[in-house]
Amino acid sequence: MSELTLESMITCPECGHQELEIMPTDYCQFFYECKGCRKVLRPKKGDCCVYCSFGSVACPPIQQGEGCCG
């Protein structure tokens, strides 16, 4: 099994602000407030969390091939 990547760069679709975040391994993050414009991001339809929708790296369960965490 390969090692998990826990850092993901979230990019806000509204203002383009990018922020490097550490993904949780024990829950899915369904909401994320942009540190640039304060818009609350929610997963896109079909994605399980904000990291799968707006991050540079998929969430840990997806990386492990376990499917959606939520």
N, C-alpha and C. Protein backbone atom coordinates (compact mmCIF):
# COMPACT_ATOMS: atom_id res chain seq x y z
N MET A 1 0.85 -1.18 0.00
CA MET A 1 0.00 0.00 0.00
C MET A 1 0.90 1.25 0.00
N SER A 2 0.58 2.18 -0.84
CA SER A 2 1.37 3.41 -0.90
C SER A 2 0.96 4.34 0.23
N GLU A 3 1.87 5.25 0.57
CA GLU A 3 1.61 6.19 1.64
C GLU A 3 0.59 7.23 1.21
N LEU A 4 -0.24 7.65 2.14
CA LEU A 4 -1.25 8.66 1.86
C LEU A 4 -0.64 10.05 1.77
N THR A 5 -1.18 10.85 0.90
CA THR A 5 -0.85 12.27 0.84
C THR A 5 -1.93 13.01 1.61
N LEU A 6 -1.54 13.70 2.65
CA LEU A 6 -2.53 14.38 3.49
C LEU A 6 -2.61 15.88 3.22
N GLU A 7 -1.65 16.44 2.49
CA GLU A 7 -1.71 17.85 2.14
C GLU A 7 -2.42 18.02 0.79
N SER A 8 -3.32 18.97 0.73
CA SER A 8 -4.06 19.25 -0.50
C SER A 8 -4.21 20.76 -0.64
N MET A 9 -3.99 21.27 -1.82
CA MET A 9 -4.14 22.69 -2.10
C MET A 9 -5.58 22.92 -2.56
N ILE A 10 -6.36 23.60 -1.73
CA ILE A 10 -7.75 23.92 -2.09
C ILE A 10 -7.75 25.22 -2.86
N THR A 11 -8.44 25.22 -3.99
CA THR A 11 -8.57 26.42 -4.82
C THR A 11 -10.04 26.83 -4.85
N CYS A 12 -10.32 28.05 -4.43
CA CYS A 12 -11.68 28.57 -4.42
C CYS A 12 -12.13 28.87 -5.85
N PRO A 13 -13.28 28.33 -6.26
CA PRO A 13 -13.78 28.60 -7.61
C PRO A 13 -14.31 30.03 -7.78
N GLU A 14 -14.57 30.71 -6.67
CA GLU A 14 -15.10 32.08 -6.73
C GLU A 14 -13.99 33.11 -6.93
N CYS A 15 -12.97 33.06 -6.08
CA CYS A 15 -11.95 34.11 -6.10
C CYS A 15 -10.56 33.61 -6.52
N GLY A 16 -10.39 32.29 -6.62
CA GLY A 16 -9.11 31.74 -7.03
C GLY A 16 -8.08 31.61 -5.91
N HIS A 17 -8.45 32.00 -4.70
CA HIS A 17 -7.53 31.88 -3.56
C HIS A 17 -7.14 30.42 -3.36
N GLN A 18 -5.87 30.19 -3.08
CA GLN A 18 -5.38 28.84 -2.82
C GLN A 18 -4.83 28.76 -1.41
N GLU A 19 -5.10 27.64 -0.76
CA GLU A 19 -4.65 27.43 0.61
C GLU A 19 -4.25 25.97 0.77
N LEU A 20 -3.05 25.73 1.30
CA LEU A 20 -2.59 24.37 1.55
C LEU A 20 -3.19 23.92 2.88
N GLU A 21 -3.92 22.82 2.85
CA GLU A 21 -4.59 22.30 4.04
C GLU A 21 -4.19 20.86 4.29
N ILE A 22 -4.28 20.44 5.53
CA ILE A 22 -4.06 19.05 5.90
C ILE A 22 -5.43 18.38 5.97
N MET A 23 -5.60 17.30 5.21
CA MET A 23 -6.89 16.61 5.18
C MET A 23 -7.07 15.74 6.41
N PRO A 24 -8.28 15.71 6.96
CA PRO A 24 -8.54 14.81 8.08
C PRO A 24 -8.58 13.37 7.58
N THR A 25 -8.20 12.45 8.44
CA THR A 25 -8.23 11.03 8.07
C THR A 25 -9.39 10.30 8.73
N ASP A 26 -10.08 10.96 9.66
CA ASP A 26 -11.13 10.28 10.40
C ASP A 26 -12.55 10.78 10.09
N TYR A 27 -12.67 11.70 9.15
CA TYR A 27 -14.00 12.17 8.73
C TYR A 27 -13.89 12.88 7.39
N CYS A 28 -15.02 13.04 6.71
CA CYS A 28 -15.07 13.79 5.46
C CYS A 28 -15.38 15.25 5.78
N GLN A 29 -14.75 16.13 5.05
CA GLN A 29 -15.01 17.56 5.25
C GLN A 29 -15.99 18.01 4.18
N PHE A 30 -17.21 18.30 4.60
CA PHE A 30 -18.27 18.67 3.68
C PHE A 30 -18.35 20.18 3.44
N PHE A 31 -17.77 20.97 4.32
CA PHE A 31 -17.80 22.43 4.19
C PHE A 31 -16.40 22.97 4.38
N TYR A 32 -16.09 24.04 3.66
CA TYR A 32 -14.80 24.70 3.79
C TYR A 32 -15.00 26.18 3.50
N GLU A 33 -14.59 27.04 4.42
CA GLU A 33 -14.71 28.48 4.20
C GLU A 33 -13.43 29.01 3.59
N CYS A 34 -13.54 29.61 2.42
CA CYS A 34 -12.40 30.19 1.72
C CYS A 34 -11.79 31.28 2.59
N LYS A 35 -10.48 31.24 2.73
CA LYS A 35 -9.80 32.25 3.54
C LYS A 35 -9.61 33.56 2.76
N GLY A 36 -9.94 33.54 1.47
CA GLY A 36 -9.85 34.75 0.65
C GLY A 36 -11.14 35.54 0.65
N CYS A 37 -12.23 34.91 0.18
CA CYS A 37 -13.50 35.63 0.02
C CYS A 37 -14.57 35.21 1.03
N ARG A 38 -14.26 34.21 1.86
CA ARG A 38 -15.17 33.72 2.90
C ARG A 38 -16.37 32.92 2.37
N LYS A 39 -16.38 32.60 1.08
CA LYS A 39 -17.45 31.77 0.55
C LYS A 39 -17.31 30.37 1.14
N VAL A 40 -18.44 29.77 1.51
CA VAL A 40 -18.44 28.41 2.04
C VAL A 40 -18.56 27.45 0.86
N LEU A 41 -17.54 26.62 0.69
CA LEU A 41 -17.53 25.65 -0.39
C LEU A 41 -18.17 24.35 0.09
N ARG A 42 -18.91 23.72 -0.82
CA ARG A 42 -19.52 22.42 -0.57
C ARG A 42 -19.12 21.50 -1.72
N PRO A 43 -19.10 20.19 -1.50
CA PRO A 43 -18.70 19.28 -2.58
C PRO A 43 -19.59 19.44 -3.82
N LYS A 44 -18.98 19.27 -4.98
CA LYS A 44 -19.74 19.24 -6.23
C LYS A 44 -20.55 17.95 -6.27
N LYS A 45 -21.62 17.95 -7.02
CA LYS A 45 -22.46 16.76 -7.16
C LYS A 45 -21.60 15.59 -7.62
N GLY A 46 -21.70 14.48 -6.91
CA GLY A 46 -20.94 13.29 -7.25
C GLY A 46 -19.62 13.15 -6.50
N ASP A 47 -19.18 14.23 -5.83
CA ASP A 47 -17.95 14.17 -5.03
C ASP A 47 -18.33 13.99 -3.56
N CYS A 48 -17.44 13.36 -2.81
CA CYS A 48 -17.77 13.07 -1.41
C CYS A 48 -17.36 14.17 -0.44
N CYS A 49 -16.43 15.04 -0.85
CA CYS A 49 -15.96 16.06 0.09
C CYS A 49 -15.35 17.24 -0.68
N VAL A 50 -15.02 18.30 0.04
CA VAL A 50 -14.46 19.49 -0.59
C VAL A 50 -13.08 19.23 -1.20
N TYR A 51 -12.32 18.28 -0.63
CA TYR A 51 -11.00 17.98 -1.18
C TYR A 51 -11.12 17.30 -2.54
N CYS A 52 -12.12 16.45 -2.70
CA CYS A 52 -12.32 15.79 -4.00
C CYS A 52 -12.82 16.79 -5.04
N SER A 53 -13.52 17.83 -4.62
CA SER A 53 -14.05 18.82 -5.55
C SER A 53 -13.06 19.95 -5.85
N PHE A 54 -12.36 20.44 -4.85
CA PHE A 54 -11.56 21.66 -5.01
C PHE A 54 -10.09 21.50 -4.65
N GLY A 55 -9.71 20.32 -4.20
CA GLY A 55 -8.33 20.10 -3.77
C GLY A 55 -7.45 19.55 -4.87
N SER A 56 -6.16 19.64 -4.65
CA SER A 56 -5.18 19.12 -5.61
C SER A 56 -4.98 17.62 -5.44
N VAL A 57 -5.45 17.08 -4.30
CA VAL A 57 -5.31 15.66 -3.99
C VAL A 57 -6.65 15.16 -3.46
N ALA A 58 -7.07 13.98 -3.89
CA ALA A 58 -8.31 13.39 -3.39
C ALA A 58 -8.17 13.03 -1.92
N CYS A 59 -9.30 12.89 -1.24
CA CYS A 59 -9.31 12.57 0.19
C CYS A 59 -8.71 11.19 0.45
N PRO A 60 -8.27 10.94 1.70
CA PRO A 60 -7.64 9.67 2.03
C PRO A 60 -8.43 8.41 1.65
N PRO A 61 -9.75 8.33 1.91
CA PRO A 61 -10.47 7.11 1.52
C PRO A 61 -10.42 6.85 0.00
N ILE A 62 -10.50 7.90 -0.80
CA ILE A 62 -10.42 7.74 -2.25
C ILE A 62 -9.01 7.30 -2.64
N GLN A 63 -7.99 7.89 -2.02
CA GLN A 63 -6.62 7.49 -2.30
C GLN A 63 -6.39 6.01 -2.00
N GLN A 64 -7.05 5.50 -0.96
CA GLN A 64 -6.89 4.11 -0.56
C GLN A 64 -7.78 3.15 -1.36
N GLY A 65 -8.60 3.71 -2.27
CA GLY A 65 -9.47 2.89 -3.07
C GLY A 65 -10.69 2.38 -2.33
N GLU A 66 -11.02 3.04 -1.22
CA GLU A 66 -12.16 2.62 -0.41
C GLU A 66 -13.46 3.26 -0.84
N GLY A 67 -13.42 4.16 -1.77
CA GLY A 67 -14.63 4.86 -2.19
C GLY A 67 -14.92 6.04 -1.29
N CYS A 68 -16.07 6.59 -1.48
CA CYS A 68 -16.49 7.79 -0.77
C CYS A 68 -16.51 7.58 0.73
N CYS A 69 -16.09 8.60 1.44
CA CYS A 69 -16.06 8.51 2.90
C CYS A 69 -17.39 8.87 3.53
N GLY A 70 -18.29 9.41 2.76
CA GLY A 70 -19.47 9.90 3.42
C GLY A 70 -20.74 9.37 2.97
